[in-house]
């Protein structure tokens, strides 16, 4: 792999650090039974082993950086997809679909690798924060879509997403799984919106009913 080139020293360092993080992610996603060594990460990134120590003091430091890099990216994509949906019901569908898309991209495999390799406390706390960050807008969207028990329904939807994730990881085509999840959720959201007591739907929501 050719040496990374950049216009400035700062950009060069940023690109090298990114290459090391991506290399560590690739190794974690591969299902290796042990945490990636700094030597293996450097080799995967096409850099000298000594270069790694310019950015990470130890393997634990590198894994902490992978966690800090991964979880905000996951949360940001899901939030972006939900924000782009036209109605509350479509936000719920966007939540499920975005999470399954991330699984198809290999993010869940990286998370599994971290679970085996990263310090338990750091990963547990990051997972808890991510869960809460994703749960709040999901519960809100469910409440606005007409769910009678939005908090409980959020747990059921997250369980459905976890099942869909396992199907993808077991070889079921991601598009098929995403279609099945939508097929299950869309009728419920349609009925919930219609049966909500005193329900008022804006003209925009009527036009985009699930």
Protein backbone atom coordinates (compact mmCIF):
# COMPACT_ATOMS: atom_id res chain seq x y z
CA UNK A 1 0.00 0.00 0.00
CA UNK A 2 1.50 3.41 -0.92
CA UNK A 3 2.44 5.86 1.82
CA UNK A 4 -0.34 8.32 2.62
CA UNK A 5 0.13 11.68 0.93
CA UNK A 6 -1.38 14.97 2.10
CA UNK A 7 -0.99 18.70 1.52
CA UNK A 8 -0.17 19.52 5.15
CA UNK A 9 1.36 17.77 8.15
CA UNK A 10 -1.93 18.06 10.04
CA UNK A 11 -3.88 16.51 7.16
CA UNK A 12 -1.26 13.76 6.85
CA UNK A 13 -1.60 12.91 10.54
CA UNK A 14 -5.38 12.95 10.29
CA UNK A 15 -5.32 10.56 7.34
CA UNK A 16 -2.88 8.22 9.05
CA UNK A 17 -4.97 8.12 12.20
CA UNK A 18 -8.07 7.42 10.10
CA UNK A 19 -6.24 4.62 8.29
CA UNK A 20 -5.27 3.02 11.60
CA UNK A 21 -8.82 3.23 12.96
CA UNK A 22 -10.21 1.71 9.76
CA UNK A 23 -7.62 -1.07 9.89
CA UNK A 24 -8.55 -1.88 13.49
CA UNK A 25 -12.24 -1.88 12.55
CA UNK A 26 -11.58 -4.30 9.68
CA UNK A 27 -9.72 -6.70 11.96
CA UNK A 28 -12.43 -6.52 14.64
CA UNK A 29 -15.15 -7.15 12.04
CA UNK A 30 -13.31 -10.21 10.73
CA UNK A 31 -14.21 -12.17 13.86
CA UNK A 32 -10.65 -12.65 15.08
CA UNK A 33 -10.75 -14.25 18.55
CA UNK A 34 -8.22 -11.82 20.03
CA UNK A 35 -7.93 -8.04 20.10
CA UNK A 36 -5.86 -6.74 17.17
CA UNK A 37 -2.23 -6.05 18.01
CA UNK A 38 -0.71 -2.69 17.13
CA UNK A 39 1.61 -4.52 14.76
CA UNK A 40 -1.30 -6.15 12.91
CA UNK A 41 -3.15 -2.85 12.69
CA UNK A 42 -0.08 -1.07 11.31
CA UNK A 43 0.47 -3.81 8.73
CA UNK A 44 -3.19 -3.65 7.68
CA UNK A 45 -2.94 0.13 7.27
CA UNK A 46 0.29 -0.12 5.30
CA UNK A 47 2.27 1.79 7.92
CA UNK A 48 5.33 1.07 10.03
CA UNK A 49 4.62 -0.33 13.49
CA UNK A 50 6.41 2.64 15.06
CA UNK A 51 3.92 4.97 13.37
CA UNK A 52 1.08 3.61 15.51
CA UNK A 53 2.68 4.94 18.69
CA UNK A 54 2.46 8.47 17.36
CA UNK A 55 -1.32 8.19 17.72
CA UNK A 56 -2.05 5.46 20.28
CA UNK A 57 -0.12 4.60 23.44
CA UNK A 58 -1.34 1.01 23.62
CA UNK A 59 -3.79 -1.50 22.18
CA UNK A 60 -6.33 -0.46 24.82
CA UNK A 61 -5.92 3.18 23.78
CA UNK A 62 -6.58 2.19 20.15
CA UNK A 63 -9.70 0.21 21.07
CA UNK A 64 -11.00 3.15 23.12
CA UNK A 65 -10.52 5.33 20.05
CA UNK A 66 -12.46 2.86 17.88
CA UNK A 67 -15.34 2.97 20.38
CA UNK A 68 -15.27 6.78 20.50
CA UNK A 69 -15.26 6.89 16.70
CA UNK A 70 -17.92 4.26 16.03
CA UNK A 71 -20.82 5.05 18.35
CA UNK A 72 -21.33 8.72 17.39
CA UNK A 73 -21.27 7.73 13.71
CA UNK A 74 -23.99 5.13 14.33
CA UNK A 75 -26.16 7.57 16.28
CA UNK A 76 -25.64 10.34 13.72
CA UNK A 77 -26.76 8.24 10.75
CA UNK A 78 -29.90 7.00 12.50
CA UNK A 79 -30.78 10.55 13.61
CA UNK A 80 -30.17 11.88 10.10
CA UNK A 81 -32.49 9.28 8.54
CA UNK A 82 -35.22 9.94 11.10
CA UNK A 83 -34.95 13.71 10.65
CA UNK A 84 -35.39 13.27 6.90
CA UNK A 85 -38.66 11.35 7.26
CA UNK A 86 -41.87 13.27 6.51
CA UNK A 87 -44.12 11.82 9.26
CA UNK A 88 -43.78 10.30 12.71
CA UNK A 89 -44.66 6.84 11.33
CA UNK A 90 -42.01 7.15 8.65
CA UNK A 91 -39.50 8.18 11.32
CA UNK A 92 -40.13 4.88 13.09
CA UNK A 93 -39.57 2.99 9.83
CA UNK A 94 -36.44 5.07 9.17
CA UNK A 95 -35.10 4.14 12.62
CA UNK A 96 -35.41 0.41 11.94
CA UNK A 97 -34.14 0.65 8.38
CA UNK A 98 -31.09 2.77 9.25
CA UNK A 99 -30.02 0.37 11.98
CA UNK A 100 -30.32 -2.60 9.63
CA UNK A 101 -28.37 -0.74 6.96
CA UNK A 102 -25.54 -0.18 9.43
CA UNK A 103 -25.55 -3.89 10.25
CA UNK A 104 -25.34 -4.69 6.54
CA UNK A 105 -22.37 -2.33 6.27
CA UNK A 106 -20.55 -4.33 8.94
CA UNK A 107 -20.91 -1.98 11.89
CA UNK A 108 -22.52 -4.64 14.08
CA UNK A 109 -19.67 -7.02 13.32
CA UNK A 110 -17.26 -4.35 14.57
CA UNK A 111 -19.37 -4.01 17.72
CA UNK A 112 -19.21 -7.78 18.27
CA UNK A 113 -15.45 -7.69 17.84
CA UNK A 114 -15.23 -4.89 20.38
CA UNK A 115 -17.34 -6.88 22.82
CA UNK A 116 -14.71 -9.62 22.72
CA UNK A 117 -11.67 -7.34 22.69
CA UNK A 118 -12.43 -4.02 24.37
CA UNK A 119 -12.42 -3.28 28.10
CA UNK A 120 -15.87 -4.21 29.40
CA UNK A 121 -16.58 -0.98 31.28
CA UNK A 122 -15.78 1.30 28.34
CA UNK A 123 -17.86 -0.68 25.87
CA UNK A 124 -20.74 -1.12 28.30
CA UNK A 125 -20.96 2.61 28.98
CA UNK A 126 -20.73 3.52 25.29
CA UNK A 127 -23.43 0.94 24.46
CA UNK A 128 -25.67 2.34 27.18
CA UNK A 129 -25.24 5.90 25.89
CA UNK A 130 -25.92 4.82 22.30
CA UNK A 131 -29.03 2.88 23.35
CA UNK A 132 -30.41 5.92 25.17
CA UNK A 133 -29.52 8.31 22.35
CA UNK A 134 -31.42 6.15 19.86
CA UNK A 135 -34.31 5.29 22.18
CA UNK A 136 -35.40 8.87 22.95
CA UNK A 137 -36.30 9.91 19.38
CA UNK A 138 -37.83 6.48 18.70
CA UNK A 139 -40.16 6.75 21.71
CA UNK A 140 -41.07 10.30 20.69
CA UNK A 141 -41.85 9.25 17.11
CA UNK A 142 -43.95 6.33 18.35
CA UNK A 143 -45.93 8.63 20.66
CA UNK A 144 -46.63 11.02 17.80
CA UNK A 145 -47.57 8.14 15.52
CA UNK A 146 -50.32 6.99 17.92
CA UNK A 147 -48.69 4.20 19.94
CA UNK A 148 -50.56 3.65 23.21
CA UNK A 149 -47.43 2.42 25.01
CA UNK A 150 -44.56 4.08 23.09
CA UNK A 151 -41.86 3.10 25.58
CA UNK A 152 -42.83 -0.58 25.52
CA UNK A 153 -43.31 -0.53 21.77
CA UNK A 154 -39.80 0.92 21.37
CA UNK A 155 -38.41 -2.12 23.17
CA UNK A 156 -40.32 -4.45 20.86
CA UNK A 157 -39.07 -2.60 17.77
CA UNK A 158 -35.50 -2.75 19.03
CA UNK A 159 -35.95 -6.50 19.56
CA UNK A 160 -37.22 -6.78 15.98
CA UNK A 161 -34.17 -4.88 14.75
CA UNK A 162 -31.88 -7.20 16.72
CA UNK A 163 -33.56 -10.24 15.14
CA UNK A 164 -33.22 -8.68 11.69
CA UNK A 165 -29.56 -8.00 12.45
CA UNK A 166 -28.94 -11.66 13.24
CA UNK A 167 -30.68 -12.68 10.00
CA UNK A 168 -28.39 -10.39 8.00
CA UNK A 169 -25.31 -11.71 9.77
CA UNK A 170 -26.48 -15.28 9.06
CA UNK A 171 -26.60 -14.60 5.34
CA UNK A 172 -30.16 -13.44 4.60
CA UNK A 173 -29.95 -10.66 1.96
CA UNK A 174 -30.13 -7.27 3.75
CA UNK A 175 -32.74 -5.88 1.36
CA UNK A 176 -34.98 -8.87 2.09
CA UNK A 177 -34.67 -8.36 5.84
CA UNK A 178 -35.29 -4.62 5.58
CA UNK A 179 -38.38 -5.32 3.48
CA UNK A 180 -39.73 -7.84 5.99
CA UNK A 181 -39.24 -5.44 8.90
CA UNK A 182 -41.11 -2.72 7.04
CA UNK A 183 -43.83 -5.23 6.15
CA UNK A 184 -44.31 -5.95 9.85
CA UNK A 185 -44.16 -2.39 11.13
CA UNK A 186 -46.07 -0.45 8.46
CA UNK A 187 -49.53 -1.99 9.13
CA UNK A 188 -49.17 -1.43 12.88
CA UNK A 189 -48.18 2.22 12.39
CA UNK A 190 -51.08 2.74 10.01
CA UNK A 191 -53.60 1.32 12.50
CA UNK A 192 -52.02 3.14 15.47
CA UNK A 193 -52.34 6.46 13.66
CA UNK A 194 -55.99 5.85 12.81
CA UNK A 195 -57.02 4.61 16.25
CA UNK A 196 -55.36 7.33 18.31
CA UNK A 197 -58.09 9.04 20.40
CA UNK A 198 -58.70 12.59 19.19
CA UNK A 199 -56.10 12.07 16.51
CA UNK A 200 -55.38 15.03 14.32
CA UNK A 201 -53.19 14.54 11.31
CA UNK A 202 -51.62 17.41 9.51
CA UNK A 203 -52.18 17.64 5.74
CA UNK A 204 -48.53 16.64 5.32
CA UNK A 205 -48.98 13.51 7.42
CA UNK A 206 -52.16 12.56 5.57
CA UNK A 207 -50.31 12.82 2.28
CA UNK A 208 -47.54 10.56 3.55
CA UNK A 209 -49.53 7.97 5.45
CA UNK A 210 -47.81 4.64 5.69
